[in-house]
N, C-alpha and C. Protein backbone atom coordinates (compact mmCIF):
# COMPACT_ATOMS: atom_id res chain seq x y z
N MET A 1 13.63 83.02 78.79
CA MET A 1 14.47 83.76 77.88
C MET A 1 14.72 85.15 78.47
N LYS A 2 15.96 85.53 78.53
CA LYS A 2 16.34 86.83 79.07
C LYS A 2 16.27 87.89 77.99
N LYS A 3 15.68 89.04 78.35
CA LYS A 3 15.56 90.12 77.38
C LYS A 3 16.92 90.80 77.19
N VAL A 4 17.28 91.02 75.96
CA VAL A 4 18.54 91.67 75.64
C VAL A 4 18.31 93.18 75.64
N ILE A 5 19.10 93.87 76.43
CA ILE A 5 19.02 95.32 76.48
C ILE A 5 20.18 95.87 75.67
N SER A 6 19.85 96.70 74.71
CA SER A 6 20.88 97.19 73.80
C SER A 6 20.87 98.71 73.73
N ALA A 7 22.05 99.29 73.74
CA ALA A 7 22.18 100.72 73.53
C ALA A 7 22.62 100.99 72.09
N LYS A 8 22.52 99.96 71.24
CA LYS A 8 22.92 100.09 69.84
C LYS A 8 22.17 101.24 69.18
N GLY A 9 22.91 102.07 68.48
CA GLY A 9 22.31 103.20 67.78
C GLY A 9 22.11 104.43 68.63
N TYR A 10 22.32 104.32 69.93
CA TYR A 10 22.13 105.45 70.84
C TYR A 10 23.23 106.50 70.62
N LEU A 11 22.81 107.75 70.59
CA LEU A 11 23.75 108.87 70.53
C LEU A 11 23.45 109.79 71.71
N LYS A 12 24.47 110.32 72.33
CA LYS A 12 24.32 111.20 73.50
C LYS A 12 23.38 112.37 73.19
N GLU A 13 23.39 112.84 71.96
CA GLU A 13 22.54 113.99 71.58
C GLU A 13 21.04 113.67 71.69
N PHE A 14 20.70 112.36 71.73
CA PHE A 14 19.30 111.98 71.87
C PHE A 14 18.72 112.44 73.21
N ASP A 15 19.58 112.56 74.23
CA ASP A 15 19.12 113.03 75.54
C ASP A 15 18.46 114.41 75.39
N ASN A 16 19.18 115.33 74.76
CA ASN A 16 18.65 116.69 74.58
C ASN A 16 17.47 116.71 73.62
N GLN A 17 17.51 115.87 72.60
CA GLN A 17 16.42 115.84 71.63
C GLN A 17 15.10 115.43 72.28
N VAL A 18 15.12 114.37 73.09
CA VAL A 18 13.86 113.95 73.71
C VAL A 18 13.36 114.99 74.70
N MET A 19 14.28 115.66 75.40
CA MET A 19 13.84 116.70 76.34
C MET A 19 13.18 117.86 75.60
N GLU A 20 13.75 118.25 74.48
CA GLU A 20 13.14 119.33 73.68
C GLU A 20 11.78 118.90 73.12
N LEU A 21 11.69 117.67 72.66
CA LEU A 21 10.41 117.16 72.15
C LEU A 21 9.36 117.15 73.25
N GLY A 22 9.76 116.76 74.45
CA GLY A 22 8.83 116.74 75.58
C GLY A 22 8.29 118.12 75.90
N LYS A 23 9.13 119.14 75.82
CA LYS A 23 8.69 120.52 76.08
C LYS A 23 7.59 120.95 75.12
N GLY A 24 7.59 120.36 73.92
CA GLY A 24 6.57 120.69 72.93
C GLY A 24 5.34 119.78 73.01
N GLY A 25 5.31 118.89 74.02
CA GLY A 25 4.15 118.04 74.20
C GLY A 25 4.22 116.70 73.50
N ALA A 26 5.39 116.35 72.97
CA ALA A 26 5.52 115.08 72.25
C ALA A 26 5.24 113.89 73.17
N THR A 27 4.55 112.92 72.64
CA THR A 27 4.31 111.67 73.35
C THR A 27 5.49 110.75 73.12
N ILE A 28 5.52 109.63 73.80
CA ILE A 28 6.60 108.66 73.63
C ILE A 28 6.67 108.18 72.18
N ALA A 29 5.51 108.00 71.54
CA ALA A 29 5.49 107.55 70.14
C ALA A 29 6.08 108.62 69.22
N ILE A 30 5.77 109.87 69.48
CA ILE A 30 6.30 110.97 68.66
C ILE A 30 7.82 111.06 68.85
N MET A 31 8.27 110.87 70.09
CA MET A 31 9.72 110.90 70.35
C MET A 31 10.42 109.78 69.60
N ALA A 32 9.86 108.59 69.68
CA ALA A 32 10.46 107.45 68.97
C ALA A 32 10.49 107.71 67.47
N ASP A 33 9.40 108.22 66.93
CA ASP A 33 9.33 108.51 65.50
C ASP A 33 10.37 109.56 65.10
N ALA A 34 10.52 110.60 65.92
CA ALA A 34 11.49 111.66 65.61
C ALA A 34 12.92 111.12 65.57
N LEU A 35 13.19 110.08 66.37
CA LEU A 35 14.53 109.49 66.39
C LEU A 35 14.63 108.28 65.45
N SER A 36 13.54 108.02 64.73
CA SER A 36 13.48 106.90 63.77
C SER A 36 13.74 105.54 64.41
N VAL A 37 13.17 105.35 65.61
CA VAL A 37 13.29 104.07 66.31
C VAL A 37 11.93 103.68 66.85
N SER A 38 11.85 102.49 67.40
CA SER A 38 10.61 102.04 68.02
C SER A 38 10.55 102.50 69.48
N ILE A 39 9.36 102.44 70.04
CA ILE A 39 9.21 102.75 71.47
C ILE A 39 10.04 101.77 72.29
N GLU A 40 10.05 100.52 71.86
CA GLU A 40 10.83 99.52 72.57
C GLU A 40 12.32 99.87 72.59
N GLN A 41 12.82 100.45 71.49
CA GLN A 41 14.23 100.85 71.45
C GLN A 41 14.49 101.98 72.44
N LEU A 42 13.56 102.93 72.53
CA LEU A 42 13.71 104.01 73.53
C LEU A 42 13.79 103.41 74.93
N GLU A 43 12.91 102.44 75.19
CA GLU A 43 12.90 101.80 76.50
C GLU A 43 14.20 101.04 76.76
N ASP A 44 14.73 100.39 75.73
CA ASP A 44 16.02 99.70 75.88
C ASP A 44 17.13 100.70 76.21
N TRP A 45 17.16 101.81 75.50
CA TRP A 45 18.16 102.84 75.78
C TRP A 45 18.03 103.35 77.21
N ALA A 46 16.78 103.52 77.65
CA ALA A 46 16.56 104.01 79.02
C ALA A 46 17.06 103.01 80.05
N ARG A 47 16.93 101.72 79.77
CA ARG A 47 17.45 100.70 80.68
C ARG A 47 18.98 100.61 80.63
N ALA A 48 19.55 100.87 79.48
CA ALA A 48 21.00 100.72 79.29
C ALA A 48 21.79 101.98 79.65
N ARG A 49 21.17 103.13 79.55
CA ARG A 49 21.88 104.41 79.75
C ARG A 49 21.15 105.28 80.77
N LYS A 50 21.76 105.52 81.91
CA LYS A 50 21.12 106.34 82.94
C LYS A 50 20.82 107.75 82.43
N SER A 51 21.74 108.32 81.67
CA SER A 51 21.52 109.68 81.18
C SER A 51 20.28 109.74 80.29
N PHE A 52 20.07 108.71 79.48
CA PHE A 52 18.89 108.70 78.61
C PHE A 52 17.63 108.44 79.43
N LYS A 53 17.72 107.58 80.41
CA LYS A 53 16.58 107.32 81.29
C LYS A 53 16.14 108.62 81.96
N ASP A 54 17.10 109.37 82.49
CA ASP A 54 16.79 110.65 83.13
C ASP A 54 16.20 111.64 82.13
N ALA A 55 16.79 111.71 80.93
CA ALA A 55 16.30 112.63 79.90
C ALA A 55 14.88 112.27 79.49
N LEU A 56 14.61 110.98 79.32
CA LEU A 56 13.27 110.54 78.93
C LEU A 56 12.25 110.84 80.03
N SER A 57 12.66 110.67 81.27
CA SER A 57 11.78 110.98 82.40
C SER A 57 11.44 112.48 82.42
N VAL A 58 12.44 113.32 82.23
CA VAL A 58 12.22 114.77 82.17
C VAL A 58 11.31 115.11 80.98
N ALA A 59 11.57 114.47 79.84
CA ALA A 59 10.77 114.71 78.63
C ALA A 59 9.31 114.36 78.86
N MET A 60 9.04 113.22 79.50
CA MET A 60 7.66 112.81 79.73
C MET A 60 6.97 113.74 80.73
N THR A 61 7.72 114.22 81.73
CA THR A 61 7.15 115.19 82.67
C THR A 61 6.81 116.48 81.95
N SER A 62 7.72 116.94 81.09
CA SER A 62 7.48 118.16 80.32
C SER A 62 6.28 117.99 79.38
N SER A 63 6.17 116.85 78.75
CA SER A 63 5.06 116.59 77.85
C SER A 63 3.74 116.61 78.61
N ARG A 64 3.71 115.95 79.75
CA ARG A 64 2.49 115.94 80.57
C ARG A 64 2.13 117.36 80.99
N ALA A 65 3.11 118.14 81.43
CA ALA A 65 2.87 119.53 81.84
C ALA A 65 2.34 120.35 80.66
N PHE A 66 2.89 120.14 79.49
CA PHE A 66 2.44 120.84 78.28
C PHE A 66 0.94 120.61 78.08
N HIS A 67 0.51 119.35 78.16
CA HIS A 67 -0.90 119.04 77.92
C HIS A 67 -1.79 119.47 79.07
N GLU A 68 -1.28 119.43 80.29
CA GLU A 68 -2.06 119.92 81.42
C GLU A 68 -2.28 121.43 81.30
N ARG A 69 -1.26 122.17 80.83
CA ARG A 69 -1.42 123.61 80.61
C ARG A 69 -2.51 123.87 79.58
N ARG A 70 -2.53 123.07 78.51
CA ARG A 70 -3.56 123.23 77.47
C ARG A 70 -4.94 122.98 78.04
N LEU A 71 -5.04 122.00 78.92
CA LEU A 71 -6.32 121.70 79.56
C LEU A 71 -6.77 122.88 80.42
N ILE A 72 -5.86 123.43 81.19
CA ILE A 72 -6.19 124.58 82.04
C ILE A 72 -6.59 125.77 81.18
N GLU A 73 -5.85 126.02 80.10
CA GLU A 73 -6.19 127.12 79.19
C GLU A 73 -7.56 126.91 78.55
N SER A 74 -7.94 125.66 78.35
CA SER A 74 -9.21 125.37 77.70
C SER A 74 -10.40 125.75 78.56
N TYR A 75 -10.20 125.90 79.87
CA TYR A 75 -11.30 126.24 80.75
C TYR A 75 -11.92 127.60 80.39
N THR A 76 -11.09 128.51 79.90
CA THR A 76 -11.59 129.85 79.57
C THR A 76 -11.96 130.00 78.10
N ASN A 77 -11.70 128.99 77.30
CA ASN A 77 -12.00 129.05 75.87
C ASN A 77 -13.20 128.15 75.57
N LYS A 78 -14.34 128.76 75.33
CA LYS A 78 -15.58 127.99 75.11
C LYS A 78 -15.51 127.13 73.85
N ASP A 79 -14.63 127.46 72.92
CA ASP A 79 -14.53 126.71 71.68
C ASP A 79 -13.54 125.54 71.76
N SER A 80 -12.85 125.40 72.88
CA SER A 80 -11.84 124.35 72.98
C SER A 80 -12.50 123.01 73.29
N ASN A 81 -11.74 121.96 73.10
CA ASN A 81 -12.24 120.61 73.34
C ASN A 81 -11.50 120.00 74.52
N SER A 82 -11.93 120.33 75.74
CA SER A 82 -11.24 119.84 76.93
C SER A 82 -11.36 118.32 77.06
N THR A 83 -12.44 117.75 76.53
CA THR A 83 -12.60 116.30 76.57
C THR A 83 -11.50 115.62 75.76
N LEU A 84 -11.17 116.19 74.61
CA LEU A 84 -10.09 115.64 73.79
C LEU A 84 -8.76 115.72 74.53
N ILE A 85 -8.50 116.83 75.19
CA ILE A 85 -7.26 117.00 75.94
C ILE A 85 -7.21 115.99 77.08
N GLN A 86 -8.32 115.82 77.79
CA GLN A 86 -8.37 114.84 78.87
C GLN A 86 -8.11 113.43 78.34
N SER A 87 -8.69 113.12 77.20
CA SER A 87 -8.48 111.80 76.59
C SER A 87 -7.01 111.59 76.24
N LEU A 88 -6.37 112.62 75.71
CA LEU A 88 -4.96 112.54 75.38
C LEU A 88 -4.13 112.30 76.63
N LEU A 89 -4.46 113.00 77.71
CA LEU A 89 -3.73 112.81 78.96
C LEU A 89 -3.91 111.39 79.48
N LYS A 90 -5.13 110.88 79.45
CA LYS A 90 -5.38 109.52 79.92
C LYS A 90 -4.68 108.49 79.05
N ALA A 91 -4.68 108.71 77.75
CA ALA A 91 -4.05 107.75 76.83
C ALA A 91 -2.54 107.70 77.00
N ASN A 92 -1.92 108.84 77.24
CA ASN A 92 -0.46 108.89 77.29
C ASN A 92 0.13 108.89 78.69
N PHE A 93 -0.68 109.22 79.67
CA PHE A 93 -0.21 109.26 81.05
C PHE A 93 -1.21 108.54 81.94
N GLY A 94 -1.70 107.41 81.46
CA GLY A 94 -2.76 106.66 82.12
C GLY A 94 -2.46 106.28 83.55
N ASP A 95 -1.20 106.06 83.87
CA ASP A 95 -0.85 105.70 85.24
C ASP A 95 -1.27 106.78 86.23
N VAL A 96 -1.37 108.00 85.77
CA VAL A 96 -1.75 109.12 86.63
C VAL A 96 -3.24 109.43 86.51
N TYR A 97 -3.81 109.26 85.32
CA TYR A 97 -5.16 109.72 85.05
C TYR A 97 -6.23 108.64 84.98
N THR A 98 -5.91 107.39 85.26
CA THR A 98 -6.93 106.35 85.16
C THR A 98 -7.88 106.37 86.34
N ASN A 99 -7.43 106.83 87.48
CA ASN A 99 -8.27 106.90 88.67
C ASN A 99 -8.80 108.31 88.81
N SER A 100 -10.11 108.47 88.88
CA SER A 100 -10.68 109.82 88.96
C SER A 100 -10.62 110.39 90.36
N ALA A 101 -10.25 109.58 91.35
CA ALA A 101 -10.12 110.08 92.72
C ALA A 101 -8.68 110.50 92.96
N TYR A 102 -8.46 111.79 93.09
CA TYR A 102 -7.11 112.35 93.25
C TYR A 102 -6.75 112.38 94.72
N GLN A 103 -5.54 111.94 95.03
CA GLN A 103 -5.02 112.07 96.37
C GLN A 103 -3.62 112.65 96.25
N PRO A 104 -3.35 113.78 96.94
CA PRO A 104 -2.04 114.40 96.83
C PRO A 104 -0.92 113.45 97.21
N VAL A 105 0.25 113.67 96.62
CA VAL A 105 1.43 112.84 96.90
C VAL A 105 1.74 112.88 98.38
N GLY A 106 2.02 111.72 98.94
CA GLY A 106 2.40 111.65 100.34
C GLY A 106 1.25 111.49 101.30
N THR A 107 0.01 111.45 100.80
CA THR A 107 -1.12 111.34 101.72
C THR A 107 -1.46 109.91 102.06
N ALA A 108 -0.92 108.97 101.32
CA ALA A 108 -1.21 107.56 101.63
C ALA A 108 0.01 106.73 101.25
N GLY A 109 0.14 105.64 101.86
CA GLY A 109 1.22 104.72 101.53
C GLY A 109 0.72 103.31 101.68
N LYS A 110 1.57 102.37 101.42
CA LYS A 110 1.18 100.97 101.50
C LYS A 110 0.70 100.67 102.92
N GLY A 111 -0.53 100.19 103.02
CA GLY A 111 -1.08 99.83 104.32
C GLY A 111 -1.53 101.01 105.15
N LYS A 112 -1.51 102.22 104.59
CA LYS A 112 -1.93 103.41 105.33
C LYS A 112 -3.18 103.99 104.70
N LYS A 113 -3.99 104.62 105.53
CA LYS A 113 -5.17 105.30 105.00
C LYS A 113 -4.76 106.69 104.52
N ALA A 114 -5.48 107.19 103.55
CA ALA A 114 -5.21 108.53 103.04
C ALA A 114 -5.57 109.57 104.09
N ASP A 115 -4.89 110.71 104.04
CA ASP A 115 -5.17 111.80 104.96
C ASP A 115 -6.50 112.47 104.64
N LEU A 116 -6.96 112.32 103.41
CA LEU A 116 -8.20 112.96 103.00
C LEU A 116 -9.40 112.22 103.56
N ALA A 117 -10.41 112.96 104.00
CA ALA A 117 -11.61 112.33 104.52
C ALA A 117 -12.37 111.63 103.40
N GLU A 118 -12.38 112.24 102.23
CA GLU A 118 -13.04 111.64 101.08
C GLU A 118 -12.24 111.99 99.83
N PRO A 119 -12.20 111.08 98.86
CA PRO A 119 -11.44 111.36 97.63
C PRO A 119 -12.12 112.46 96.81
N ILE A 120 -11.33 113.11 96.00
CA ILE A 120 -11.83 114.17 95.14
C ILE A 120 -12.20 113.56 93.80
N ASP A 121 -13.40 113.86 93.33
CA ASP A 121 -13.84 113.38 92.01
C ASP A 121 -13.31 114.37 90.98
N PHE A 122 -12.19 114.00 90.32
CA PHE A 122 -11.51 114.88 89.37
C PHE A 122 -12.45 115.36 88.27
N ASN A 123 -13.22 114.44 87.70
CA ASN A 123 -14.12 114.82 86.60
C ASN A 123 -15.13 115.86 87.04
N GLU A 124 -15.72 115.68 88.23
CA GLU A 124 -16.70 116.64 88.73
C GLU A 124 -16.04 117.98 89.03
N GLU A 125 -14.84 117.95 89.57
CA GLU A 125 -14.15 119.20 89.88
C GLU A 125 -13.82 119.98 88.62
N ILE A 126 -13.40 119.30 87.59
CA ILE A 126 -13.11 119.96 86.31
C ILE A 126 -14.39 120.56 85.74
N ALA A 127 -15.47 119.79 85.75
CA ALA A 127 -16.76 120.28 85.25
C ALA A 127 -17.21 121.48 86.07
N SER A 128 -17.02 121.43 87.38
CA SER A 128 -17.41 122.52 88.25
C SER A 128 -16.61 123.79 87.94
N LEU A 129 -15.29 123.64 87.74
CA LEU A 129 -14.45 124.79 87.40
C LEU A 129 -14.86 125.41 86.07
N ILE A 130 -15.18 124.57 85.10
CA ILE A 130 -15.62 125.07 83.80
C ILE A 130 -16.92 125.85 83.96
N ARG A 131 -17.87 125.29 84.71
CA ARG A 131 -19.14 126.00 84.93
C ARG A 131 -18.90 127.34 85.62
N GLU A 132 -18.01 127.33 86.60
CA GLU A 132 -17.72 128.56 87.34
C GLU A 132 -17.08 129.61 86.43
N LEU A 133 -16.14 129.19 85.59
CA LEU A 133 -15.48 130.13 84.68
C LEU A 133 -16.45 130.69 83.64
N ARG A 134 -17.44 129.89 83.28
CA ARG A 134 -18.44 130.35 82.31
C ARG A 134 -19.53 131.17 82.97
N GLY A 135 -19.50 131.27 84.30
CA GLY A 135 -20.48 132.08 85.00
C GLY A 135 -21.67 131.30 85.53
N ASP A 136 -21.67 129.98 85.33
CA ASP A 136 -22.73 129.15 85.89
C ASP A 136 -22.43 128.95 87.37
N SER A 137 -23.42 128.62 88.15
CA SER A 137 -23.17 128.37 89.57
C SER A 137 -22.67 126.96 89.77
N ALA A 138 -21.81 126.78 90.77
CA ALA A 138 -21.26 125.46 91.07
C ALA A 138 -22.29 124.65 91.83
N PRO A 139 -22.46 123.38 91.49
CA PRO A 139 -23.41 122.55 92.21
C PRO A 139 -22.95 122.30 93.64
N SER A 140 -23.88 122.04 94.53
CA SER A 140 -23.52 121.88 95.94
C SER A 140 -22.69 120.63 96.19
N GLY A 141 -22.65 119.70 95.25
CA GLY A 141 -21.88 118.48 95.42
C GLY A 141 -20.39 118.68 95.23
N SER A 142 -19.98 119.78 94.63
CA SER A 142 -18.56 119.98 94.36
C SER A 142 -17.86 120.55 95.58
N ILE A 143 -16.55 120.45 95.58
CA ILE A 143 -15.77 121.01 96.69
C ILE A 143 -15.96 122.51 96.76
N ARG A 144 -15.96 123.18 95.60
CA ARG A 144 -16.16 124.63 95.59
C ARG A 144 -17.54 124.98 96.15
N GLY A 145 -18.53 124.19 95.78
CA GLY A 145 -19.87 124.40 96.29
C GLY A 145 -19.92 124.18 97.80
N LYS A 146 -19.21 123.15 98.30
CA LYS A 146 -19.16 122.87 99.73
C LYS A 146 -18.47 124.00 100.47
N LYS A 147 -17.40 124.54 99.88
CA LYS A 147 -16.69 125.67 100.50
C LYS A 147 -17.61 126.88 100.60
N ALA A 148 -18.37 127.14 99.53
CA ALA A 148 -19.29 128.27 99.51
C ALA A 148 -20.37 128.08 100.55
N GLU A 149 -20.86 126.86 100.73
CA GLU A 149 -21.88 126.58 101.73
C GLU A 149 -21.37 126.82 103.13
N GLN A 150 -20.07 126.53 103.35
CA GLN A 150 -19.50 126.69 104.68
C GLN A 150 -19.26 128.15 105.03
N GLU A 151 -19.13 129.00 104.04
CA GLU A 151 -18.81 130.42 104.30
C GLU A 151 -20.02 131.20 104.70
């Protein structure tokens, strides 16, 4: 059975609406709710309309950036819940955050080894940065600790 892709109900103004929602950190579910449609309908519009696909892509990038900024800001706020922010990022942008070993874009490709000698443990690096910002010393296992040892 072939899936029917429909742009029914789509309005050009939705492009700007989803981009604005993304700037405020809206998830795909919040965007769909704001437009009174299902997530599946948003996806159909993105397949049927290039302008909407581009707008939705920009919106999701803006939303991810919004939440990443909150996570960074949480490092200096002892009362914040960085674990909650990390969970939100993983839940809504899991394709990026499911693997704790970060490798910069372009360092590896299909059938190629990464340029990095060893992967970075994202969770440990975040914990290390938080300890450092709070005035605790960084453990020797972290990259910051390794850099300090080398100096």
